Amino acid sequence: MAADFSLCRQLRQQILLRFLPLIVAVVLQQREPAALAVAPPAQRIERSDGLCRQLVHPYSYDCQEYMVTTEDSFLLGVQRIKSPKSPASRGPVFLYHGVLIGGDIWVLNPPSESLPYILADAGYDVWLGNTRTTSFSYGHVSYRRSDQGFWDWSVDELSRYDLSAMIKHTYAVTGRQIKFIGYSEGTQAAFAAFSQGQLVEYIEKAVMLAPIAYLHHFTSPIGLAGIAIQLDKVESTLFLLQNRRTGKQLLDYLCPNNINFCQKNWITLLTGNNCCLNNSRWEFYDNYELQDTSAKNMKHFAQQYRTQTFCKFDYGATENFRRYRSKSPPSYDLTGIPSQLPLLLINGGRDALSDPTDVDRLIAELPSRPQHLFIPDYAHFDFVLGLNAKDKVYGRVLSFFAG
């Protein structure tokens, strides 16, 4: 155990020494935003390199690709999965991923170990969402990846625009209330929306895996390094150099002489000591993760850590007053989540991002008494990639939905 802590300290020091000059080296091209074009409506897409073709069709499940446009003109990838074994008679389930990953995280394991396939085989109409800058979305109507506006977002925009567009699209296609499953930052986006009374009318029940509202006690070595160099005070809206995969570039930069070590350990360095991953699939996981996020999103996390709050992005007193009519950013008030919304929260005791202390605070502030399952030996990625998640987690999800 002492060796583990020593390793974390060494890694944190290495990140501090190498990451700070890289941030300083980022030069923003200050441009006038391009005139926004008219966004196309949601539409079916045939994509030869899409999530369906790469990851779902090989298992003979029906999978359809959609492109959904947000109100701020980002083009999101959404996939719909149905089972060849069972008709989708139990209604839609929408799954929303976390930070630095995409909707593909749900289907990187075989069908017997992956929640979307298990849900589809149980008779659900399964939908996967993808955040705006991830691999299986489609960019922006006007902005290029090198434009500042492409990266000008945090969880505030994911909640207001991305989640909203995808939930409303799912409802428009199916005509039925949706069972929601959020994971990691996907839960934070949902809590933000629900706390403001948004989207609740579309949601029948909600499951929150590795739930996040507060971040004050998180222990991720990579995350704490960002806090230590005051990432939230760095005036950059690009996370790293332009036109590169954010997560991968960070790992490559930190480990120029030890790539193999980081490739085998990036999940632990980011999310905690996961108990139950399939080590034989490391190389496969590494082909798809990590994915892009924005500096503003990471800065928002850092702000929440420092202030011990679940607030909107802090732009400084002057800009806050212009946007929010107050000098401080407003909180997402969890007591605003309707008490009649059925909730199931599942968290782990070794999770470096969704810390048990922060989850306890979250639960205490909810106006209702949600169902709650605590798994002591689980860390952050065990919920989506764990070999035994079918027994420890997914069975409980199915029971909750059926109840």
Protein backbone atom coordinates (compact mmCIF):
# COMPACT_ATOMS: atom_id res chain seq x y z
CA MET A 1 0.00 0.00 0.00
CA ALA A 2 2.87 2.38 0.85
CA ALA A 3 4.36 1.65 -2.55
CA ASP A 4 1.05 2.57 -4.20
CA PHE A 5 0.95 5.94 -2.44
CA SER A 6 4.58 6.56 -3.36
CA LEU A 7 3.81 5.79 -6.99
CA CYS A 8 0.87 8.20 -6.94
CA ARG A 9 3.07 10.97 -5.49
CA GLN A 10 5.73 10.35 -8.12
CA LEU A 11 3.17 10.38 -10.92
CA ARG A 12 1.64 13.57 -9.58
CA GLN A 13 5.03 15.27 -9.52
CA GLN A 14 5.74 14.05 -13.05
CA ILE A 15 2.42 15.42 -14.26
CA LEU A 16 3.10 18.78 -12.61
CA LEU A 17 6.53 19.07 -14.20
CA ARG A 18 5.44 18.06 -17.68
CA PHE A 19 1.85 19.28 -17.92
CA LEU A 20 2.37 22.92 -16.92
CA PRO A 21 4.68 23.87 -19.80
CA LEU A 22 2.35 22.19 -22.24
CA ILE A 23 -0.57 24.30 -21.08
CA VAL A 24 1.55 27.41 -21.25
CA ALA A 25 2.54 26.44 -24.80
CA VAL A 26 -1.06 26.38 -26.01
CA VAL A 27 -1.74 29.47 -28.10
CA LEU A 28 -5.27 30.37 -28.86
CA GLN A 29 -6.10 31.83 -32.23
CA GLN A 30 -8.53 34.58 -31.31
CA ARG A 31 -11.05 34.60 -34.12
CA GLU A 32 -14.47 35.99 -34.68
CA PRO A 33 -16.91 33.07 -34.55
CA ALA A 34 -17.98 31.87 -37.95
CA ALA A 35 -21.52 32.73 -38.96
CA LEU A 36 -23.65 29.83 -37.81
CA ALA A 37 -25.25 27.86 -40.59
CA VAL A 38 -28.73 26.42 -40.38
CA ALA A 39 -28.53 23.11 -38.53
CA PRO A 40 -30.07 20.04 -40.17
CA PRO A 41 -32.79 18.13 -38.31
CA ALA A 42 -32.05 14.79 -36.66
CA GLN A 43 -31.51 12.16 -39.30
CA ARG A 44 -30.53 8.55 -39.86
CA ILE A 45 -26.91 8.12 -40.92
CA GLU A 46 -25.08 5.33 -42.71
CA ARG A 47 -21.55 5.44 -41.33
CA SER A 48 -18.99 2.86 -42.42
CA ASP A 49 -16.70 3.72 -39.48
CA GLY A 50 -19.52 4.20 -36.98
CA LEU A 51 -20.08 2.66 -33.59
CA CYS A 52 -22.73 0.32 -34.97
CA ARG A 53 -20.53 -1.07 -37.73
CA GLN A 54 -17.43 -1.43 -35.56
CA LEU A 55 -18.81 -2.69 -32.27
CA VAL A 56 -22.45 -3.82 -32.47
CA HIS A 57 -23.05 -5.44 -35.86
CA PRO A 58 -20.33 -8.08 -35.32
CA TYR A 59 -22.57 -9.53 -32.58
CA SER A 60 -25.63 -9.57 -34.92
CA TYR A 61 -27.60 -6.97 -32.98
CA ASP A 62 -29.63 -4.44 -34.96
CA CYS A 63 -28.03 -1.00 -34.65
CA GLN A 64 -28.99 2.31 -36.25
CA GLU A 65 -26.94 5.51 -36.38
CA TYR A 66 -28.54 8.94 -35.93
CA MET A 67 -27.15 12.44 -36.11
CA VAL A 68 -28.91 14.78 -33.68
CA THR A 69 -28.43 18.56 -33.75
CA THR A 70 -28.28 20.59 -30.54
CA GLU A 71 -29.69 24.09 -30.19
CA ASP A 72 -26.12 25.42 -30.32
CA SER A 73 -25.51 23.49 -33.56
CA PHE A 74 -23.32 20.59 -32.45
CA LEU A 75 -23.94 17.34 -34.32
CA LEU A 76 -24.22 14.43 -31.93
CA GLY A 77 -24.02 10.73 -32.65
CA VAL A 78 -26.81 8.59 -31.21
CA GLN A 79 -27.15 4.84 -31.66
CA ARG A 80 -30.22 2.64 -31.30
CA ILE A 81 -29.73 -1.05 -30.46
CA LYS A 82 -32.28 -3.85 -30.60
CA SER A 83 -31.82 -7.52 -29.86
CA PRO A 84 -32.32 -10.35 -32.36
CA LYS A 85 -33.55 -12.44 -29.42
CA SER A 86 -36.36 -10.30 -28.06
CA PRO A 87 -38.78 -7.65 -29.39
CA ALA A 88 -38.29 -4.18 -27.90
CA SER A 89 -41.63 -4.12 -26.10
CA ARG A 90 -40.50 -2.65 -22.77
CA GLY A 91 -39.81 0.85 -24.04
CA PRO A 92 -36.72 3.01 -24.50
CA VAL A 93 -33.66 3.14 -22.28
CA PHE A 94 -31.15 5.94 -22.85
CA LEU A 95 -27.52 5.55 -21.68
CA TYR A 96 -25.23 8.58 -21.28
CA HIS A 97 -21.47 8.21 -20.78
CA GLY A 98 -18.89 10.08 -18.70
CA VAL A 99 -15.90 12.37 -19.22
CA LEU A 100 -13.04 11.51 -21.61
CA ILE A 101 -14.98 8.57 -23.07
CA GLY A 102 -17.83 8.11 -25.55
CA GLY A 103 -20.96 6.04 -26.01
CA ASP A 104 -18.78 3.16 -27.15
CA ILE A 105 -17.71 2.57 -23.52
CA TRP A 106 -20.97 0.67 -22.98
CA VAL A 107 -20.26 -1.93 -25.69
CA LEU A 108 -16.51 -2.57 -25.44
CA ASN A 109 -17.14 -5.90 -23.71
CA PRO A 110 -18.94 -8.91 -25.23
CA PRO A 111 -22.77 -9.00 -25.06
CA SER A 112 -22.84 -11.16 -21.92
CA GLU A 113 -20.89 -8.45 -20.05
CA SER A 114 -22.30 -5.24 -21.60
CA LEU A 115 -25.33 -3.41 -20.21
CA PRO A 116 -26.87 -2.31 -23.57
CA TYR A 117 -26.98 -5.89 -24.90
CA ILE A 118 -28.35 -7.20 -21.61
CA LEU A 119 -31.08 -4.54 -21.69
CA ALA A 120 -31.88 -5.26 -25.36
CA ASP A 121 -32.12 -9.01 -24.68
CA ALA A 122 -34.53 -8.18 -21.84
CA GLY A 123 -36.84 -6.43 -24.31
CA TYR A 124 -35.74 -2.80 -24.09
CA ASP A 125 -35.23 -0.35 -26.96
CA VAL A 126 -31.67 0.82 -26.18
CA TRP A 127 -30.23 4.23 -27.11
CA LEU A 128 -26.63 5.39 -26.64
CA GLY A 129 -25.70 9.07 -26.50
CA ASN A 130 -22.38 10.65 -27.45
CA THR A 131 -21.10 14.02 -26.19
CA ARG A 132 -20.29 16.72 -28.72
CA THR A 133 -16.54 16.28 -29.20
CA THR A 134 -16.27 12.49 -28.84
CA SER A 135 -15.25 10.06 -31.57
CA PHE A 136 -18.71 9.00 -32.71
CA SER A 137 -20.27 12.46 -32.97
CA TYR A 138 -20.07 14.66 -36.07
CA GLY A 139 -18.62 18.03 -35.06
CA HIS A 140 -20.42 21.33 -35.52
CA VAL A 141 -22.45 22.95 -38.26
CA SER A 142 -19.98 25.85 -38.57
CA TYR A 143 -17.06 25.55 -36.19
CA ARG A 144 -13.94 23.62 -37.05
CA ARG A 145 -12.01 21.75 -34.37
CA SER A 146 -9.39 24.50 -34.46
CA ASP A 147 -11.99 27.19 -33.64
CA GLN A 148 -12.24 28.47 -30.09
CA GLY A 149 -16.02 28.12 -30.16
CA PHE A 150 -15.75 24.39 -30.74
CA TRP A 151 -14.29 23.97 -27.25
CA ASP A 152 -16.29 26.63 -25.40
CA TRP A 153 -18.39 24.32 -23.24
CA SER A 154 -18.57 22.48 -19.93
CA VAL A 155 -21.12 20.28 -18.20
CA ASP A 156 -23.50 23.27 -18.26
CA GLU A 157 -23.78 22.96 -22.05
CA LEU A 158 -23.85 19.15 -21.95
CA SER A 159 -26.88 19.38 -19.68
CA ARG A 160 -28.65 22.25 -21.44
CA TYR A 161 -27.98 21.23 -25.04
CA ASP A 162 -26.55 17.74 -25.55
CA LEU A 163 -28.61 15.74 -23.09
CA SER A 164 -31.71 17.73 -23.95
CA ALA A 165 -31.39 17.16 -27.70
CA MET A 166 -30.76 13.42 -27.36
CA ILE A 167 -33.52 12.77 -24.84
CA LYS A 168 -36.05 14.71 -26.92
CA HIS A 169 -34.97 12.87 -30.07
CA THR A 170 -35.38 9.49 -28.35
CA TYR A 171 -38.84 10.49 -27.15
CA ALA A 172 -39.83 11.82 -30.58
CA VAL A 173 -38.91 8.53 -32.27
CA THR A 174 -40.37 6.18 -29.66
CA GLY A 175 -43.29 8.21 -28.29
CA ARG A 176 -42.72 6.74 -24.83
CA GLN A 177 -41.24 7.91 -21.55
CA ILE A 178 -37.59 6.99 -21.19
CA LYS A 179 -35.69 5.00 -18.60
CA PHE A 180 -32.40 6.85 -18.12
CA ILE A 181 -28.98 5.46 -17.18
CA GLY A 182 -26.22 7.96 -16.53
CA TYR A 183 -22.59 7.24 -15.76
CA SER A 184 -19.99 9.58 -14.28
CA GLU A 185 -20.29 13.05 -15.88
CA GLY A 186 -23.44 11.79 -17.58
CA THR A 187 -25.06 11.71 -14.13
CA GLN A 188 -23.87 15.24 -13.35
CA ALA A 189 -25.43 16.54 -16.56
CA ALA A 190 -28.67 14.79 -15.64
CA PHE A 191 -28.69 16.10 -12.06
CA ALA A 192 -28.13 19.60 -13.44
CA ALA A 193 -31.09 19.29 -15.79
CA PHE A 194 -33.43 17.59 -13.34
CA SER A 195 -32.64 20.11 -10.58
CA GLN A 196 -33.97 22.87 -12.84
CA GLY A 197 -37.10 20.92 -13.74
CA GLN A 198 -35.78 20.18 -17.23
CA LEU A 199 -36.42 16.91 -19.11
CA VAL A 200 -38.19 15.37 -16.13
CA GLU A 201 -41.40 14.95 -18.10
CA TYR A 202 -39.57 12.63 -20.52
CA ILE A 203 -38.05 10.40 -17.82
CA GLU A 204 -39.84 7.46 -16.25
CA LYS A 205 -37.00 6.28 -14.00
CA ALA A 206 -33.32 7.15 -13.64
CA VAL A 207 -30.29 5.06 -12.70
CA MET A 208 -27.06 6.85 -11.76
CA LEU A 209 -23.89 4.73 -11.94
CA ALA A 210 -20.79 6.19 -10.24
CA PRO A 211 -22.89 9.33 -9.64
CA ILE A 212 -21.30 12.76 -9.50
CA ALA A 213 -22.64 16.05 -8.25
CA TYR A 214 -19.89 17.06 -5.82
CA LEU A 215 -16.19 16.49 -6.47
CA HIS A 216 -14.50 17.75 -3.34
CA HIS A 217 -13.13 14.39 -2.16
CA PHE A 218 -12.06 12.83 -5.44
CA THR A 219 -8.62 11.18 -5.41
CA SER A 220 -7.70 10.68 -9.07
CA PRO A 221 -3.91 11.29 -9.42
CA ILE A 222 -4.37 12.91 -12.82
CA GLY A 223 -7.26 15.02 -11.54
CA LEU A 224 -5.39 16.15 -8.43
CA ALA A 225 -2.43 17.15 -10.57
CA GLY A 226 -4.73 19.41 -12.56
CA ILE A 227 -5.93 20.95 -9.31
CA ALA A 228 -2.38 21.44 -8.09
CA ILE A 229 -1.36 23.43 -11.17
CA GLN A 230 -4.56 25.45 -10.83
CA LEU A 231 -6.05 24.31 -14.12
CA ASP A 232 -9.21 26.22 -13.27
CA LYS A 233 -7.20 29.47 -13.38
CA VAL A 234 -5.44 28.85 -16.70
CA GLU A 235 -6.95 31.12 -19.33
CA SER A 236 -7.29 28.58 -22.16
CA THR A 237 -10.38 27.10 -23.76
CA LEU A 238 -8.42 24.37 -25.49
CA PHE A 239 -7.33 21.51 -23.28
CA LEU A 240 -4.17 20.64 -25.20
CA LEU A 241 -2.85 21.28 -28.69
CA GLN A 242 -5.48 21.61 -31.38
CA ASN A 243 -6.66 18.78 -33.62
CA ARG A 244 -5.44 15.98 -31.36
CA ARG A 245 -7.18 13.39 -29.17
CA THR A 246 -7.11 15.04 -25.78
CA GLY A 247 -6.80 12.03 -23.48
CA LYS A 248 -4.28 10.20 -25.65
CA GLN A 249 -2.11 13.24 -26.08
CA LEU A 250 -1.95 13.72 -22.33
CA LEU A 251 -0.80 10.14 -21.79
CA ASP A 252 1.74 10.29 -24.61
CA TYR A 253 3.12 13.54 -23.24
CA LEU A 254 3.45 12.26 -19.69
CA CYS A 255 5.04 8.96 -20.68
CA PRO A 256 7.49 9.53 -23.56
CA ASN A 257 9.84 6.88 -22.17
CA ASN A 258 7.30 4.56 -20.61
CA ILE A 259 4.37 4.33 -23.00
CA ASN A 260 3.62 0.71 -22.13
CA PHE A 261 3.25 1.51 -18.44
CA CYS A 262 0.77 4.31 -19.06
CA GLN A 263 -1.20 2.34 -21.62
CA LYS A 264 -1.65 -0.43 -19.08
CA ASN A 265 -2.37 1.87 -16.16
CA TRP A 266 -4.24 4.91 -17.50
CA ILE A 267 -7.55 3.61 -16.19
CA THR A 268 -6.14 3.34 -12.65
CA LEU A 269 -4.40 6.71 -12.86
CA LEU A 270 -7.66 8.37 -13.86
CA THR A 271 -10.39 6.39 -12.10
CA GLY A 272 -8.99 4.39 -9.17
CA ASN A 273 -8.01 0.79 -8.52
CA ASN A 274 -10.68 -1.14 -10.41
CA CYS A 275 -11.22 -4.64 -9.11
CA CYS A 276 -12.82 -6.50 -11.93
CA LEU A 277 -11.69 -5.52 -15.41
CA ASN A 278 -10.75 -8.03 -18.10
CA ASN A 279 -7.00 -7.48 -18.39
CA SER A 280 -6.87 -9.42 -21.65
CA ARG A 281 -8.83 -6.59 -23.31
CA TRP A 282 -6.52 -3.69 -22.35
CA GLU A 283 -5.28 -3.24 -25.90
CA PHE A 284 -8.84 -3.26 -27.23
CA TYR A 285 -9.98 -0.66 -24.69
CA ASP A 286 -6.97 1.46 -25.55
CA ASN A 287 -8.01 1.57 -29.21
CA TYR A 288 -11.14 3.55 -28.29
CA GLU A 289 -10.41 5.50 -25.12
CA LEU A 290 -9.55 8.16 -24.05
CA GLN A 291 -11.52 10.73 -26.07
CA ASP A 292 -11.80 14.50 -26.36
CA THR A 293 -13.08 16.96 -23.81
CA SER A 294 -12.54 20.70 -23.43
CA ALA A 295 -10.30 22.69 -21.10
CA LYS A 296 -13.41 24.54 -19.95
CA ASN A 297 -15.01 21.28 -18.88
CA MET A 298 -11.91 20.34 -16.88
CA LYS A 299 -11.70 23.84 -15.42
CA HIS A 300 -15.31 23.52 -14.31
CA PHE A 301 -14.46 20.31 -12.43
CA ALA A 302 -11.54 22.11 -10.77
CA GLN A 303 -13.80 24.99 -9.73
CA GLN A 304 -16.24 22.56 -8.16
CA TYR A 305 -13.44 20.83 -6.30
CA ARG A 306 -12.08 24.09 -4.86
CA THR A 307 -15.44 25.58 -3.88
CA GLN A 308 -17.01 22.31 -2.67
CA THR A 309 -20.13 23.21 -4.65
CA PHE A 310 -22.25 21.95 -7.52
CA CYS A 311 -22.46 25.24 -9.39
CA LYS A 312 -22.51 26.56 -12.91
CA PHE A 313 -19.26 27.68 -14.50
CA ASP A 314 -17.59 30.64 -12.79
CA TYR A 315 -16.64 33.30 -15.37
CA GLY A 316 -15.61 35.92 -12.81
CA ALA A 317 -17.78 38.55 -11.16
CA THR A 318 -18.37 40.78 -14.18
CA GLU A 319 -19.26 38.06 -16.66
CA ASN A 320 -21.18 36.13 -14.02
CA PHE A 321 -23.40 39.15 -13.46
CA ARG A 322 -24.00 39.49 -17.19
CA ARG A 323 -24.93 35.83 -17.54
CA TYR A 324 -26.51 34.99 -14.19
CA ARG A 325 -27.42 38.41 -12.73
CA SER A 326 -25.24 37.60 -9.73
CA LYS A 327 -21.52 37.91 -9.01
CA SER A 328 -21.24 34.22 -8.13
CA PRO A 329 -22.40 31.31 -10.29
CA PRO A 330 -25.72 29.84 -9.17
CA SER A 331 -25.86 26.38 -7.64
CA TYR A 332 -27.66 23.45 -9.12
CA ASP A 333 -30.12 22.92 -6.28
CA LEU A 334 -30.63 19.17 -5.85
CA THR A 335 -33.76 19.80 -3.80
CA GLY A 336 -35.34 20.93 -7.08
CA ILE A 337 -35.33 17.38 -8.44
CA PRO A 338 -38.95 16.19 -8.26
CA SER A 339 -39.38 13.80 -5.37
CA GLN A 340 -41.69 11.62 -7.45
CA LEU A 341 -38.90 10.75 -9.91
CA PRO A 342 -37.74 7.20 -9.07
CA LEU A 343 -33.96 7.11 -8.65
CA LEU A 344 -31.40 4.34 -8.16
CA LEU A 345 -27.83 5.36 -7.28
CA ILE A 346 -24.99 2.82 -7.38
CA ASN A 347 -21.46 3.75 -6.29
CA GLY A 348 -18.20 2.07 -5.35
CA GLY A 349 -15.88 2.25 -2.38
CA ARG A 350 -12.67 2.54 -4.44
CA ASP A 351 -13.87 5.10 -6.95
CA ALA A 352 -11.36 7.95 -7.39
CA LEU A 353 -13.88 10.23 -9.14
CA SER A 354 -17.22 9.44 -7.51
CA ASP A 355 -16.01 9.42 -3.92
CA PRO A 356 -18.32 7.81 -1.32
CA THR A 357 -18.24 10.93 0.88
CA ASP A 358 -19.39 13.11 -2.02
CA VAL A 359 -22.07 10.58 -2.96
CA ASP A 360 -23.36 10.54 0.61
CA ARG A 361 -23.68 14.33 0.49
CA LEU A 362 -25.51 14.10 -2.84
CA ILE A 363 -27.99 11.56 -1.45
CA ALA A 364 -28.57 13.61 1.69
CA GLU A 365 -29.55 16.64 -0.39
CA LEU A 366 -32.05 14.86 -2.63
CA PRO A 367 -35.67 15.57 -1.70
CA SER A 368 -36.59 11.90 -2.00
CA ARG A 369 -35.05 8.73 -0.63
CA PRO A 370 -33.54 7.07 -3.69
CA GLN A 371 -32.71 3.42 -3.86
CA HIS A 372 -29.00 3.04 -3.20
CA LEU A 373 -26.48 0.25 -3.75
CA PHE A 374 -22.91 0.53 -2.47
CA ILE A 375 -20.27 -1.88 -3.81
CA PRO A 376 -17.15 -1.63 -1.61
CA ASP A 377 -14.58 -3.06 -4.04
CA TYR A 378 -15.75 -1.19 -7.16
CA ALA A 379 -13.92 1.72 -8.76
CA HIS A 380 -15.08 3.98 -11.58
CA PHE A 381 -14.67 1.74 -14.65
CA ASP A 382 -15.92 -1.43 -12.99
CA PHE A 383 -19.48 -0.17 -13.57
CA VAL A 384 -19.13 -0.22 -17.36
CA LEU A 385 -16.32 -2.72 -17.99
CA GLY A 386 -16.40 -5.04 -14.97
CA LEU A 387 -16.45 -8.79 -15.61
CA ASN A 388 -18.95 -9.27 -12.77
CA ALA A 389 -21.01 -6.10 -13.33
CA LYS A 390 -23.80 -8.23 -14.79
CA ASP A 391 -24.29 -9.84 -11.39
CA LYS A 392 -23.35 -6.96 -9.10
CA VAL A 393 -24.90 -4.03 -10.97
CA TYR A 394 -26.96 -4.83 -14.06
CA GLY A 395 -29.27 -7.29 -12.35
CA ARG A 396 -30.22 -4.57 -9.87
CA VAL A 397 -30.82 -2.14 -12.74
CA LEU A 398 -33.17 -4.59 -14.46
CA SER A 399 -35.07 -5.19 -11.20
CA PHE A 400 -35.41 -1.45 -10.64
CA PHE A 401 -36.77 -0.90 -14.14
CA ALA A 402 -39.20 -3.81 -13.82
CA GLY A 403 -40.49 -2.77 -10.40
